[in-house]
Amino acid sequence: MRTCPRPIPLDGPGGILVSLASTHRGHVERALSESAGYFGTETWQALRDVLSGSHPELTPYIEWLLAKLNPVLFNTDDAADRSWQEQKDATQSLTRVTDFPHSAFTAWKRPASQEDPYLAGLIPDPVENSLIEHDVRVGLGDDAPVFDEWRELGDVRCDIHVLEDTTGRRLEIANVNATPVESRLGTDMIYYHHPTHSFVLVQYKRLHPRSKEYRVNKQLRDQMDRLEQVSDLSRKPARPHEWRLSPDSCFLKFAHWRDRAAPSSDLAPGMYLPLSYARVLLDDECTRGTRGGRIISYERVGRYLVSSQFTELVKHGLVGTVGTSIERLRELGLQRAREGYSVVVGFETSRETPRDRATRVRNRSTKKRPKVTSYSPTASQESLFDIPEP
């Protein structure tokens, strides 16, 4: 529920009921007279038209509430819906690893164009947007803001959303598409933790919805070769907080979705495979099919990470690159988009020390969580992502 921006009279000379046809007015009055009443869609549409016409400030509230009440059911036979499913899961993954509320992304409708990124269909919280009165721009010196540049490029579409809490910790998510949906190779999720200059990349692969199998082809092997080049952006750890469990910073998520399943805040079920482990699997007999091809499936992969395990590793900084600059991240995000991937980049900034981060992650209590503001910066605002290197 959200508080109405100002009182809206129902009855009387200035009330909205007087503008309704007598039949619809009777339906509304009868519903209001009962402890729990209802009326049909035709009356609701008439009431909605009156509300939006006489009180246009209510329109974003109505759209937000309707999107919450009528979530989209994705059609897995539709290429655009499949792409948006993956981008949605990537967005929700970013909120999991950063401990920001995923509810900020639940009011969503299909964008106007199937080529648009997932965030283009996001309906921001109308209350939170109205409360933002501070300047969200960051001084960049002579550097141009990277997200504004991406928005201005003719061959990409970039949408941005920001989550910020009262401690100053902030997550900016940029969603970028640069190729037609029919020729898109899948989705990349990139999470960058600015205080430690570390990022993790997850590339999505879809298991067959019924057999839960993925048949390996040359394209996947070529993509894995490209991901190994991404991993080379890391340097050796020199400080305790830079140590990682392995040099793997790239993962493959083999996920599956049920067609037109009820929307859920849970992440899509699947297997997270570190790139080096995927290499071992593809060289082992366990993935060899009856005709000699390679198959990834739950039955053939004995060990894998699930969403909760992967999330905890990223939260604690136990996986990811070491010492990767923001500039290299900018280049990587745009490069991956132009190579044919939908890219969802999460950029976290904060004043936390590595010890502060570990303490926050270990604290499971929700009672003292700071208040979070959620908003979509306008194109004229400078990006929070583009922060100068120290």
Protein backbone atom coordinates (compact mmCIF):
# COMPACT_ATOMS: atom_id res chain seq x y z
CA MET A 1 0.00 0.00 0.00
CA ARG A 2 1.06 3.58 -0.64
CA THR A 3 -0.29 6.83 0.83
CA CYS A 4 -2.31 8.89 -1.63
CA PRO A 5 -0.42 12.14 -2.44
CA ARG A 6 -3.43 14.19 -1.31
CA PRO A 7 -7.05 13.54 -0.22
CA ILE A 8 -9.36 12.63 -3.12
CA PRO A 9 -13.07 13.31 -2.36
CA LEU A 10 -15.41 10.49 -3.36
CA ASP A 11 -18.87 12.01 -2.97
CA GLY A 12 -20.30 15.49 -2.85
CA PRO A 13 -20.21 18.16 -5.60
CA GLY A 14 -16.45 17.84 -6.12
CA GLY A 15 -16.25 14.08 -5.66
CA ILE A 16 -15.24 11.61 -8.35
CA LEU A 17 -18.48 9.60 -8.07
CA VAL A 18 -20.50 12.41 -9.59
CA SER A 19 -18.48 12.01 -12.80
CA LEU A 20 -19.40 8.32 -13.13
CA ALA A 21 -22.39 7.01 -15.05
CA SER A 22 -25.24 6.06 -12.70
CA THR A 23 -24.73 2.31 -13.21
CA HIS A 24 -21.02 2.45 -12.37
CA ARG A 25 -21.67 4.86 -9.50
CA GLY A 26 -24.14 2.40 -8.01
CA HIS A 27 -21.61 -0.43 -8.25
CA VAL A 28 -18.91 1.61 -6.50
CA GLU A 29 -21.26 2.84 -3.75
CA ARG A 30 -22.50 -0.68 -3.09
CA ALA A 31 -18.93 -2.00 -2.87
CA LEU A 32 -17.91 0.79 -0.48
CA SER A 33 -20.89 0.13 1.78
CA GLU A 34 -19.77 -3.42 2.53
CA SER A 35 -16.87 -4.55 4.67
CA ALA A 36 -15.34 -6.21 1.62
CA GLY A 37 -16.95 -5.26 -1.65
CA TYR A 38 -16.03 -5.57 -5.30
CA PHE A 39 -17.17 -4.42 -8.72
CA GLY A 40 -16.49 -5.55 -12.28
CA THR A 41 -13.80 -4.58 -14.77
CA GLU A 42 -16.05 -2.19 -16.73
CA THR A 43 -16.80 -0.16 -13.60
CA TRP A 44 -13.15 -0.23 -12.61
CA GLN A 45 -12.11 1.08 -16.03
CA ALA A 46 -14.66 3.88 -15.77
CA LEU A 47 -13.42 4.77 -12.29
CA ARG A 48 -9.82 4.63 -13.44
CA ASP A 49 -10.54 7.00 -16.32
CA VAL A 50 -12.16 9.49 -13.94
CA LEU A 51 -9.29 9.24 -11.45
CA SER A 52 -6.62 9.73 -14.11
CA GLY A 53 -8.53 12.52 -15.83
CA SER A 54 -9.36 14.60 -12.77
CA HIS A 55 -6.27 13.70 -10.73
CA PRO A 56 -3.38 12.94 -13.12
CA GLU A 57 -0.96 12.78 -10.19
CA LEU A 58 -2.57 9.43 -9.33
CA THR A 59 -1.61 7.82 -12.66
CA PRO A 60 1.84 6.55 -11.56
CA TYR A 61 0.29 5.14 -8.36
CA ILE A 62 -2.39 3.29 -10.33
CA GLU A 63 0.11 1.90 -12.84
CA TRP A 64 2.44 0.79 -10.04
CA LEU A 65 -0.34 -0.94 -8.09
CA LEU A 66 -1.75 -2.68 -11.17
CA ALA A 67 1.71 -3.98 -12.10
CA LYS A 68 2.09 -5.36 -8.58
CA LEU A 69 -1.36 -6.98 -8.68
CA ASN A 70 -1.09 -8.36 -12.24
CA PRO A 71 2.48 -9.63 -12.75
CA VAL A 72 3.53 -10.68 -16.23
CA LEU A 73 3.54 -14.38 -17.14
CA PHE A 74 6.47 -15.07 -19.45
CA ASN A 75 6.02 -17.17 -22.57
CA THR A 76 9.12 -19.35 -23.01
CA ASP A 77 8.34 -19.76 -26.73
CA ASP A 78 8.81 -16.02 -27.23
CA ALA A 79 12.40 -14.84 -27.75
CA ALA A 80 11.82 -11.46 -26.09
CA ASP A 81 10.18 -13.04 -23.04
CA ARG A 82 13.05 -15.51 -22.68
CA SER A 83 15.56 -12.68 -22.80
CA TRP A 84 13.60 -10.64 -20.23
CA GLN A 85 13.38 -13.71 -17.97
CA GLU A 86 17.16 -13.94 -17.90
CA GLN A 87 17.63 -10.21 -17.39
CA LYS A 88 15.09 -10.27 -14.57
CA ASP A 89 16.95 -13.11 -12.86
CA ALA A 90 20.24 -11.23 -13.28
CA THR A 91 18.70 -8.12 -11.72
CA GLN A 92 17.33 -10.08 -8.79
CA SER A 93 20.69 -11.81 -8.35
CA LEU A 94 22.31 -8.41 -7.92
CA THR A 95 19.91 -7.51 -5.12
CA ARG A 96 20.70 -10.82 -3.42
CA VAL A 97 24.47 -10.37 -3.43
CA THR A 98 24.17 -6.76 -2.25
CA ASP A 99 21.38 -7.25 0.32
CA PHE A 100 19.14 -4.65 -1.29
CA PRO A 101 15.37 -5.35 -1.47
CA HIS A 102 14.31 -7.12 -4.66
CA SER A 103 10.79 -5.74 -4.21
CA ALA A 104 11.97 -2.57 -5.99
CA PHE A 105 11.82 -4.54 -9.26
CA THR A 106 8.49 -6.36 -8.92
CA ALA A 107 6.31 -3.69 -10.57
CA TRP A 108 7.04 -4.39 -14.23
CA LYS A 109 5.27 -4.50 -17.58
CA ARG A 110 6.50 -5.54 -21.00
CA PRO A 111 8.43 -2.66 -22.63
CA ALA A 112 7.10 -0.99 -25.75
CA SER A 113 9.66 -2.75 -27.95
CA GLN A 114 10.88 -6.32 -27.70
CA GLU A 115 14.39 -4.99 -28.33
CA ASP A 116 14.33 -2.95 -25.10
CA PRO A 117 16.17 -4.08 -21.95
CA TYR A 118 14.27 -5.51 -19.00
CA LEU A 119 14.67 -2.31 -16.96
CA ALA A 120 12.81 -0.38 -19.67
CA GLY A 121 9.61 -1.99 -18.37
CA LEU A 122 10.26 -1.21 -14.70
CA ILE A 123 7.63 0.94 -12.98
CA PRO A 124 9.48 2.81 -10.20
CA ASP A 125 7.90 3.22 -6.80
CA PRO A 126 5.95 6.51 -7.10
CA VAL A 127 6.44 7.43 -3.46
CA GLU A 128 10.17 6.92 -3.46
CA ASN A 129 10.58 8.96 -6.62
CA SER A 130 8.63 11.86 -5.15
CA LEU A 131 10.82 11.87 -2.05
CA ILE A 132 14.08 12.32 -3.93
CA GLU A 133 15.13 15.92 -3.57
CA HIS A 134 18.88 15.59 -3.44
CA ASP A 135 21.30 15.84 -6.33
CA VAL A 136 22.41 12.31 -7.26
CA ARG A 137 25.18 13.46 -9.55
CA VAL A 138 28.81 12.74 -8.75
CA GLY A 139 31.69 15.03 -9.69
CA LEU A 140 33.60 13.45 -12.52
CA GLY A 141 36.26 15.97 -13.34
CA ASP A 142 36.90 15.89 -17.08
CA ASP A 143 35.54 12.34 -17.49
CA ALA A 144 32.25 11.90 -19.32
CA PRO A 145 29.61 9.83 -17.48
CA VAL A 146 29.66 6.39 -19.03
CA PHE A 147 25.94 5.63 -18.76
CA ASP A 148 24.92 8.89 -20.41
CA GLU A 149 27.33 8.04 -23.20
CA TRP A 150 25.78 4.60 -23.60
CA ARG A 151 22.32 6.17 -23.76
CA GLU A 152 23.47 8.46 -26.55
CA LEU A 153 25.07 5.72 -28.66
CA GLY A 154 22.94 4.80 -31.63
CA ASP A 155 23.64 1.07 -31.46
CA VAL A 156 22.79 0.40 -27.80
CA ARG A 157 19.84 0.86 -25.45
CA CYS A 158 20.74 1.48 -21.81
CA ASP A 159 18.35 1.78 -18.85
CA ILE A 160 19.45 2.53 -15.30
CA HIS A 161 17.98 2.05 -11.84
CA VAL A 162 19.52 2.94 -8.47
CA LEU A 163 19.04 1.64 -4.93
CA GLU A 164 20.58 3.68 -2.12
CA ASP A 165 20.33 3.29 1.64
CA THR A 166 20.74 5.82 4.43
CA THR A 167 24.31 4.69 5.16
CA GLY A 168 25.41 5.82 1.68
CA ARG A 169 25.72 2.31 0.28
CA ARG A 170 24.46 2.32 -3.28
CA LEU A 171 23.76 -0.12 -6.08
CA GLU A 172 23.43 1.18 -9.61
CA ILE A 173 22.13 -1.28 -12.18
CA ALA A 174 22.61 -0.64 -15.89
CA ASN A 175 20.78 -2.86 -18.39
CA VAL A 176 22.19 -2.74 -21.92
CA ASN A 177 21.08 -4.29 -25.23
CA ALA A 178 22.80 -3.71 -28.54
CA THR A 179 21.49 -6.48 -30.83
CA PRO A 180 18.06 -7.64 -32.07
CA VAL A 181 16.44 -10.12 -29.72
CA GLU A 182 16.31 -12.91 -32.31
CA SER A 183 20.09 -12.87 -32.72
CA ARG A 184 20.93 -12.34 -29.05
CA LEU A 185 23.35 -14.83 -27.50
CA GLY A 186 21.96 -14.71 -23.96
CA THR A 187 22.45 -12.62 -20.84
CA ASP A 188 25.51 -11.63 -18.84
CA MET A 189 25.31 -10.48 -15.25
CA ILE A 190 28.30 -8.45 -14.06
CA TYR A 191 28.60 -7.41 -10.42
CA TYR A 192 31.32 -4.91 -9.52
CA HIS A 193 32.23 -4.08 -5.92
CA HIS A 194 33.94 -0.70 -6.08
CA PRO A 195 35.63 -0.67 -2.63
CA THR A 196 37.60 -3.82 -3.56
CA HIS A 197 37.78 -3.23 -7.35
CA SER A 198 36.48 -6.73 -7.97
CA PHE A 199 33.86 -8.12 -10.32
CA VAL A 200 32.08 -11.41 -10.99
CA LEU A 201 30.51 -12.35 -14.34
CA VAL A 202 27.70 -14.88 -14.81
CA GLN A 203 26.67 -15.99 -18.29
CA TYR A 204 23.19 -17.51 -18.58
CA LYS A 205 22.48 -20.74 -20.46
CA ARG A 206 19.01 -22.24 -20.68
CA LEU A 207 18.38 -25.89 -19.89
CA HIS A 208 15.64 -27.56 -21.91
CA PRO A 209 12.43 -26.95 -19.91
CA ARG A 210 11.43 -30.63 -19.92
CA SER A 211 14.63 -32.68 -20.13
CA LYS A 212 16.67 -30.14 -18.08
CA GLU A 213 19.58 -30.71 -20.47
CA TYR A 214 21.91 -28.43 -22.41
CA ARG A 215 23.64 -29.84 -25.50
CA VAL A 216 27.12 -28.38 -25.80
CA ASN A 217 28.09 -26.94 -29.19
CA LYS A 218 31.00 -25.05 -30.69
CA GLN A 219 29.36 -21.73 -29.83
CA LEU A 220 29.49 -22.51 -26.11
CA ARG A 221 33.14 -23.54 -26.30
CA ASP A 222 33.99 -20.33 -28.16
CA GLN A 223 32.11 -18.32 -25.52
CA MET A 224 34.05 -20.08 -22.78
CA ASP A 225 37.28 -19.11 -24.51
CA ARG A 226 36.13 -15.49 -24.45
CA LEU A 227 35.30 -15.74 -20.75
CA GLU A 228 38.80 -16.98 -20.02
CA GLN A 229 40.11 -13.76 -21.53
CA VAL A 230 37.81 -11.86 -19.15
CA SER A 231 39.32 -13.71 -16.20
CA ASP A 232 42.76 -12.48 -17.25
CA LEU A 233 41.74 -8.96 -16.13
CA SER A 234 42.56 -10.03 -12.56
CA ARG A 235 45.90 -9.69 -10.81
CA LYS A 236 47.38 -11.70 -7.94
CA PRO A 237 46.11 -10.87 -4.42
CA ALA A 238 48.44 -8.76 -2.30
CA ARG A 239 46.23 -8.11 0.76
CA PRO A 240 44.08 -10.44 2.89
CA HIS A 241 40.74 -9.16 1.56
CA GLU A 242 41.95 -9.77 -2.00
CA TRP A 243 42.38 -13.53 -1.50
CA ARG A 244 39.91 -15.69 -3.42
CA LEU A 245 38.98 -19.35 -3.24
CA SER A 246 40.07 -19.76 -6.85
CA PRO A 247 41.08 -17.57 -9.79
CA ASP A 248 37.63 -18.12 -11.30
CA SER A 249 35.71 -14.89 -11.72
CA CYS A 250 33.38 -16.13 -14.50
CA PHE A 251 30.52 -18.58 -14.02
CA LEU A 252 27.98 -20.30 -16.24
CA LYS A 253 24.44 -20.53 -14.90
CA PHE A 254 22.50 -23.36 -16.53
CA ALA A 255 18.95 -22.40 -15.57
CA HIS A 256 15.41 -23.46 -16.44
CA TRP A 257 12.00 -21.80 -16.31
CA ARG A 258 8.49 -23.23 -16.51
CA ASP A 259 6.28 -21.74 -19.21
CA ARG A 260 3.83 -19.13 -17.88
CA ALA A 261 4.67 -20.07 -14.31
CA ALA A 262 3.36 -17.85 -11.53
CA PRO A 263 5.82 -14.99 -10.95
CA SER A 264 8.13 -15.51 -8.00
CA SER A 265 10.74 -13.50 -6.17
CA ASP A 266 12.94 -16.61 -6.07
CA LEU A 267 15.85 -16.89 -8.47
CA ALA A 268 15.48 -19.30 -11.38
CA PRO A 269 16.62 -22.80 -10.41
CA GLY A 270 19.85 -23.89 -12.01
CA MET A 271 23.49 -24.89 -11.72
CA TYR A 272 26.29 -22.34 -11.25
CA LEU A 273 29.51 -23.74 -12.71
CA PRO A 274 32.85 -21.93 -12.34
CA LEU A 275 34.50 -21.69 -15.74
CA SER A 276 37.47 -23.93 -14.84
CA TYR A 277 35.10 -26.59 -13.46
CA ALA A 278 33.00 -26.46 -16.64
CA ARG A 279 36.19 -27.17 -18.61
CA VAL A 280 36.86 -30.25 -16.50
CA LEU A 281 33.29 -31.47 -16.95
CA LEU A 282 33.48 -31.16 -20.73
CA ASP A 283 36.65 -33.26 -20.78
CA ASP A 284 35.16 -36.00 -18.59
CA GLU A 285 33.13 -39.03 -19.63
CA CYS A 286 30.29 -37.95 -17.32
CA THR A 287 29.08 -35.42 -19.88
CA ARG A 288 29.50 -37.61 -22.98
CA GLY A 289 26.20 -38.47 -24.67
CA THR A 290 25.33 -41.72 -26.42
CA ARG A 291 26.26 -40.22 -29.79
CA GLY A 292 29.51 -38.70 -28.59
CA GLY A 293 28.27 -35.17 -27.98
CA ARG A 294 28.54 -33.39 -24.65
CA ILE A 295 25.51 -32.78 -22.42
CA ILE A 296 25.16 -30.67 -19.29
CA SER A 297 22.36 -31.84 -16.97
CA TYR A 298 21.61 -32.42 -13.30
CA GLU A 299 22.18 -36.16 -13.76
CA ARG A 300 25.56 -35.73 -15.42
CA VAL A 301 26.97 -32.94 -13.25
CA GLY A 302 27.58 -34.40 -9.82
CA ARG A 303 28.52 -31.18 -8.06
CA TYR A 304 27.44 -27.61 -8.68
CA LEU A 305 26.59 -24.41 -6.84
CA VAL A 306 22.99 -23.40 -6.27
CA SER A 307 21.83 -19.79 -6.03
CA SER A 308 22.22 -19.49 -2.26
CA GLN A 309 25.77 -20.87 -2.31
CA PHE A 310 26.84 -18.62 -5.16
CA THR A 311 25.27 -15.59 -3.48
CA GLU A 312 27.14 -16.20 -0.22
CA LEU A 313 30.49 -16.56 -1.99
CA VAL A 314 30.01 -13.23 -3.77
CA LYS A 315 28.72 -11.48 -0.65
CA HIS A 316 31.83 -12.45 1.30
CA GLY A 317 34.20 -11.49 -1.52
CA LEU A 318 35.47 -15.07 -1.85
CA VAL A 319 35.15 -15.06 -5.64
CA GLY A 320 35.86 -12.39 -8.24
CA THR A 321 38.70 -10.54 -9.88
CA VAL A 322 41.37 -8.63 -7.99
CA GLY A 323 42.33 -5.05 -8.78
CA THR A 324 40.16 -4.53 -11.86
CA SER A 325 39.72 -0.87 -12.77
CA ILE A 326 36.40 0.82 -13.45
CA GLU A 327 37.60 1.71 -16.94
CA ARG A 328 38.17 -1.95 -17.77
CA LEU A 329 34.69 -2.69 -16.47
CA ARG A 330 33.18 0.00 -18.71
CA GLU A 331 34.95 -1.47 -21.71
CA LEU A 332 33.86 -5.00 -20.81
CA GLY A 333 30.18 -4.12 -20.38
CA LEU A 334 29.92 -2.34 -23.71
CA GLN A 335 32.01 -4.97 -25.48
CA ARG A 336 29.80 -7.82 -24.25
CA ALA A 337 26.66 -5.95 -25.33
CA ARG A 338 28.05 -5.39 -28.81
CA GLU A 339 29.07 -9.02 -29.06
CA GLY A 340 25.39 -9.94 -28.79
CA TYR A 341 24.59 -10.33 -25.10
CA SER A 342 22.03 -8.59 -22.95
CA VAL A 343 24.16 -7.14 -20.16
CA VAL A 344 23.03 -6.37 -16.61
CA VAL A 345 25.78 -4.52 -14.72
CA GLY A 346 25.51 -3.95 -10.98
CA PHE A 347 27.89 -1.37 -9.55
CA GLU A 348 28.07 -1.16 -5.73
CA THR A 349 29.69 1.75 -3.93
CA SER A 350 29.97 2.32 -0.19
CA ARG A 351 32.18 3.62 2.57
CA GLU A 352 32.44 0.15 4.07
CA THR A 353 35.80 -1.36 4.91
CA PRO A 354 36.28 -5.07 4.16
CA ARG A 355 35.63 -5.75 7.87
CA ASP A 356 32.46 -3.62 7.81
CA ARG A 357 31.24 -5.54 4.79
CA ALA A 358 31.86 -8.90 6.47
CA THR A 359 30.04 -7.75 9.62
CA ARG A 360 27.02 -6.59 7.64
CA VAL A 361 26.84 -9.81 5.63
CA ARG A 362 26.98 -11.95 8.76
CA ASN A 363 24.21 -9.95 10.43
CA ARG A 364 20.97 -11.76 9.55
CA SER A 365 18.68 -9.44 11.49
CA THR A 366 16.23 -7.36 9.45
CA LYS A 367 15.21 -5.11 12.36
CA LYS A 368 17.94 -2.51 11.93
CA ARG A 369 18.22 -2.52 8.16
CA PRO A 370 18.65 1.05 6.82
CA LYS A 371 15.89 2.62 4.75
CA VAL A 372 16.39 2.19 0.99
CA THR A 373 15.52 4.73 -1.70
CA SER A 374 14.76 3.44 -5.20
CA TYR A 375 14.79 5.61 -8.32
CA SER A 376 15.61 5.78 -12.03
CA PRO A 377 18.01 8.66 -12.85
CA THR A 378 17.00 10.83 -15.79
CA ALA A 379 19.21 10.97 -18.83
CA SER A 380 20.39 14.43 -17.86
CA GLN A 381 21.82 13.25 -14.55
CA GLU A 382 25.39 12.10 -14.34
CA SER A 383 25.90 8.45 -13.63
CA LEU A 384 26.74 7.25 -10.16
CA PHE A 385 28.68 4.45 -11.81
CA ASP A 386 31.32 6.71 -13.27
CA ILE A 387 33.48 7.30 -10.20
CA PRO A 388 37.11 8.42 -10.62
CA GLU A 389 39.80 5.99 -9.60
CA PRO A 390 41.69 6.83 -6.40
